[in-house]
Structures are given as C-alpha cells and as structure tokens.
C-alpha atoms as a PDB file:
ATOM      1  CA  MET A   1     -79.789  45.704  67.474  1.00  0.00           C
ATOM      2  CA  LYS A   2     -77.271  48.130  65.916  1.00  0.00           C
ATOM      3  CA  LYS A   3     -74.939  48.683  69.241  1.00  0.00           C
ATOM      4  CA  LEU A   4     -74.920  44.817  68.576  1.00  0.00           C
ATOM      5  CA  ASP A   5     -73.788  44.769  65.130  1.00  0.00           C
ATOM      6  CA  ALA A   6     -71.430  47.943  65.809  1.00  0.00           C
ATOM      7  CA  LEU A   7     -69.843  45.748  68.774  1.00  0.00           C
ATOM      8  CA  LEU A   8     -69.665  42.468  66.607  1.00  0.00           C
ATOM      9  CA  GLY A   9     -68.142  44.780  63.657  1.00  0.00           C
ATOM     10  CA  ALA A  10     -65.662  45.953  66.473  1.00  0.00           C
ATOM     11  CA  THR A  11     -64.839  43.171  67.779  1.00  0.00           C
ATOM     12  CA  LEU A  12     -64.654  40.065  64.737  1.00  0.00           C
ATOM     13  CA  LEU A  13     -63.270  42.613  62.102  1.00  0.00           C
ATOM     14  CA  PRO A  14     -59.796  43.020  64.149  1.00  0.00           C
ATOM     15  CA  LEU A  15     -59.670  39.530  64.795  1.00  0.00           C
ATOM     16  CA  LEU A  16     -60.463  38.424  61.484  1.00  0.00           C
ATOM     17  CA  LEU A  17     -57.719  40.839  60.195  1.00  0.00           C
ATOM     18  CA  ALA A  18     -55.439  39.746  62.855  1.00  0.00           C
ATOM     19  CA  ALA A  19     -55.835  35.908  61.593  1.00  0.00           C
ATOM     20  CA  CYS A  20     -55.088  36.916  57.802  1.00  0.00           C
ATOM     21  CA  GLY A  21     -51.682  37.860  59.239  1.00  0.00           C
ATOM     22  CA  LYS A  22     -50.615  34.629  60.587  1.00  0.00           C
ATOM     23  CA  SER A  23     -47.730  33.202  59.290  1.00  0.00           C
ATOM     24  CA  VAL A  24     -48.232  29.415  59.747  1.00  0.00           C
ATOM     25  CA  GLY A  25     -51.817  27.802  59.672  1.00  0.00           C
ATOM     26  CA  VAL A  26     -53.309  24.667  58.874  1.00  0.00           C
ATOM     27  CA  GLY A  27     -51.193  23.246  55.680  1.00  0.00           C
ATOM     28  CA  GLY A  28     -48.009  25.628  55.930  1.00  0.00           C
ATOM     29  CA  SER A  29     -47.376  28.837  55.961  1.00  0.00           C
ATOM     30  CA  SER A  30     -50.206  31.744  54.709  1.00  0.00           C
ATOM     31  CA  THR A  31     -48.096  31.987  51.623  1.00  0.00           C
ATOM     32  CA  ASP A  32     -48.347  28.467  50.335  1.00  0.00           C
ATOM     33  CA  ALA A  33     -51.537  27.370  47.922  1.00  0.00           C
ATOM     34  CA  SER A  34     -51.838  23.594  47.554  1.00  0.00           C
ATOM     35  CA  SER A  35     -51.683  22.757  43.938  1.00  0.00           C
ATOM     36  CA  SER A  36     -55.280  21.971  44.007  1.00  0.00           C
ATOM     37  CA  THR A  37     -56.209  25.474  45.455  1.00  0.00           C
ATOM     38  CA  VAL A  38     -53.789  26.750  42.841  1.00  0.00           C
ATOM     39  CA  ALA A  39     -55.977  24.814  40.250  1.00  0.00           C
ATOM     40  CA  ALA A  40     -59.092  25.572  41.203  1.00  0.00           C
ATOM     41  CA  ASN A  41     -58.468  29.187  41.465  1.00  0.00           C
ATOM     42  CA  ALA A  42     -57.541  29.209  37.663  1.00  0.00           C
ATOM     43  CA  LEU A  43     -60.653  27.691  36.961  1.00  0.00           C
ATOM     44  CA  ALA A  44     -62.571  29.847  38.706  1.00  0.00           C
ATOM     45  CA  ILE A  45     -61.695  32.844  37.079  1.00  0.00           C
ATOM     46  CA  LYS A  46     -61.020  31.354  33.464  1.00  0.00           C
ATOM     47  CA  GLY A  47     -63.060  33.440  30.921  1.00  0.00           C
ATOM     48  CA  LEU A  48     -63.191  36.329  33.436  1.00  0.00           C
ATOM     49  CA  ASP A  49     -61.594  39.606  32.219  1.00  0.00           C
ATOM     50  CA  LEU A  50     -59.859  40.671  35.401  1.00  0.00           C
ATOM     51  CA  GLY A  51     -58.130  43.220  33.777  1.00  0.00           C
ATOM     52  CA  GLN A  52     -61.550  45.460  33.020  1.00  0.00           C
ATOM     53  CA  ARG A  53     -60.994  48.391  35.054  1.00  0.00           C
ATOM     54  CA  GLN A  54     -64.687  49.927  34.291  1.00  0.00           C
ATOM     55  CA  ASP A  55     -65.935  48.706  37.647  1.00  0.00           C
ATOM     56  CA  PHE A  56     -63.326  50.567  39.220  1.00  0.00           C
ATOM     57  CA  GLU A  57     -64.019  53.576  37.168  1.00  0.00           C
ATOM     58  CA  ASP A  58     -67.733  53.548  37.761  1.00  0.00           C
ATOM     59  CA  ALA A  59     -66.906  53.033  41.707  1.00  0.00           C
ATOM     60  CA  GLN A  60     -65.080  56.262  41.563  1.00  0.00           C
ATOM     61  CA  ARG A  61     -67.746  58.218  39.112  1.00  0.00           C
ATOM     62  CA  GLY A  62     -68.632  61.323  41.053  1.00  0.00           C
ATOM     63  CA  LEU A  63     -65.475  61.207  43.171  1.00  0.00           C
ATOM     64  CA  ILE A  64     -65.294  64.401  46.270  1.00  0.00           C
ATOM     65  CA  ALA A  65     -63.040  63.062  48.558  1.00  0.00           C
ATOM     66  CA  LYS A  66     -61.876  59.606  49.236  1.00  0.00           C
ATOM     67  CA  ALA A  67     -62.434  58.271  52.624  1.00  0.00           C
ATOM     68  CA  THR A  68     -59.641  57.486  54.951  1.00  0.00           C
ATOM     69  CA  GLY A  69     -58.870  56.574  58.768  1.00  0.00           C
ATOM     70  CA  LYS A  70     -61.345  55.201  61.232  1.00  0.00           C
ATOM     71  CA  ILE A  71     -65.126  55.722  61.863  1.00  0.00           C
ATOM     72  CA  ILE A  72     -65.295  55.966  65.560  1.00  0.00           C
ATOM     73  CA  ALA A  73     -68.538  55.609  67.587  1.00  0.00           C
ATOM     74  CA  SER A  74     -69.493  58.354  70.200  1.00  0.00           C
ATOM     75  CA  ASP A  75     -68.303  55.987  72.653  1.00  0.00           C
ATOM     76  CA  GLY A  76     -64.832  56.160  71.223  1.00  0.00           C
ATOM     77  CA  THR A  77     -65.496  52.307  69.698  1.00  0.00           C
ATOM     78  CA  VAL A  78     -63.809  51.939  66.274  1.00  0.00           C
ATOM     79  CA  LEU A  79     -66.574  51.014  64.060  1.00  0.00           C
ATOM     80  CA  ASN A  80     -64.535  50.741  60.710  1.00  0.00           C
ATOM     81  CA  ASP A  81     -60.611  51.270  60.004  1.00  0.00           C
ATOM     82  CA  LEU A  82     -60.684  52.247  56.341  1.00  0.00           C
ATOM     83  CA  ASP A  83     -56.797  52.163  56.519  1.00  0.00           C
ATOM     84  CA  ALA A  84     -56.628  48.583  57.349  1.00  0.00           C
ATOM     85  CA  TYR A  85     -58.118  47.459  54.072  1.00  0.00           C
ATOM     86  CA  GLY A  86     -54.671  48.620  52.566  1.00  0.00           C
ATOM     87  CA  PHE A  87     -53.629  45.069  51.871  1.00  0.00           C
ATOM     88  CA  LEU A  88     -55.893  44.575  49.082  1.00  0.00           C
ATOM     89  CA  SER A  89     -53.965  47.080  47.060  1.00  0.00           C
ATOM     90  CA  THR A  90     -51.975  44.408  45.783  1.00  0.00           C
ATOM     91  CA  THR A  91     -52.501  41.085  43.807  1.00  0.00           C
ATOM     92  CA  ALA A  92     -54.215  38.337  44.881  1.00  0.00           C
ATOM     93  CA  PRO A  93     -52.152  35.903  46.700  1.00  0.00           C
ATOM     94  CA  ASP A  94     -52.431  32.154  45.489  1.00  0.00           C
ATOM     95  CA  THR A  95     -53.984  31.332  48.580  1.00  0.00           C
ATOM     96  CA  VAL A  96     -57.127  33.577  47.255  1.00  0.00           C
ATOM     97  CA  ASN A  97     -59.772  33.494  44.421  1.00  0.00           C
ATOM     98  CA  PRO A  98     -59.035  36.087  42.437  1.00  0.00           C
ATOM     99  CA  SER A  99     -62.276  36.881  41.458  1.00  0.00           C
ATOM    100  CA  LEU A 100     -63.074  37.398  44.989  1.00  0.00           C
ATOM    101  CA  TRP A 101     -59.985  39.794  45.668  1.00  0.00           C
ATOM    102  CA  ARG A 102     -61.495  41.959  43.119  1.00  0.00           C
ATOM    103  CA  HIS A 103     -64.620  42.049  44.677  1.00  0.00           C
ATOM    104  CA  ALA A 104     -63.214  42.818  48.014  1.00  0.00           C
ATOM    105  CA  GLN A 105     -61.239  45.612  46.665  1.00  0.00           C
ATOM    106  CA  LEU A 106     -64.160  47.295  44.978  1.00  0.00           C
ATOM    107  CA  ASN A 107     -66.102  46.830  48.376  1.00  0.00           C
ATOM    108  CA  ALA A 108     -63.254  48.446  50.237  1.00  0.00           C
ATOM    109  CA  THR A 109     -63.112  51.775  47.898  1.00  0.00           C
ATOM    110  CA  PRO A 110     -64.535  54.196  50.173  1.00  0.00           C
ATOM    111  CA  VAL A 111     -65.362  57.421  48.461  1.00  0.00           C
ATOM    112  CA  TYR A 112     -67.717  60.245  49.152  1.00  0.00           C
ATOM    113  CA  THR A 113     -69.506  60.962  45.841  1.00  0.00           C
ATOM    114  CA  ARG A 114     -72.236  64.072  45.051  1.00  0.00           C
END
C-alpha cells in the first residue's frame, strides 16, 4: 500500500502541478476568473481575517530548520518536491478561493521542529 501511495503521489503531483501552469483551459487563460468566481470567492471570505498571521507563527513555532529540496525514496523516486510549492508565496489568483490558498500555504510549510 505504501508503494502504491508513493507511486500515485510521485505520478499525480507533477501532473497536477503541470496543469497549474497551463495558459489556456476551459473558459480562457488560467489568469482569467469569471465574474461569478470572483463574486463567490469574495462571499466565501467575507468576515474572515486573512491578514491574521497567528496560524503562520504557530506553524513556525520551535523551528529548527526549514525543509527544502526533494524527498527521494531509496529507489530514486521523488516522493515530494518541497520547492515546487514556491508558487504559493504569492497572493491567491482570482481563480482560487483565498481561504483555500491560505490553507495550502500553511500545509506547504515543511519545517523541522523540536
């Protein structure tokens, strides 16, 4: 089961990340958000304080070192490319729910803590 999980992760993650880089898709380029998407995202975050940084501070508490690079299995398979999540350092594009983008930023904070 672990080998299957690793294989799926190593196979699907690059495909999903590659899809993020597509310039054209259904409804136009990946930078275009429909007015209904913009409205839905605005409604979804209404009342949320996305500028609150306590969650990020909590995620960094006890930081010894920040993980970078790739996690590679003994057979050479890339299990996770930590640097591939660098695109999350920017603000959420109009096509993405800002709350989910923030959640992804928190999840993509690999650290070594004591």
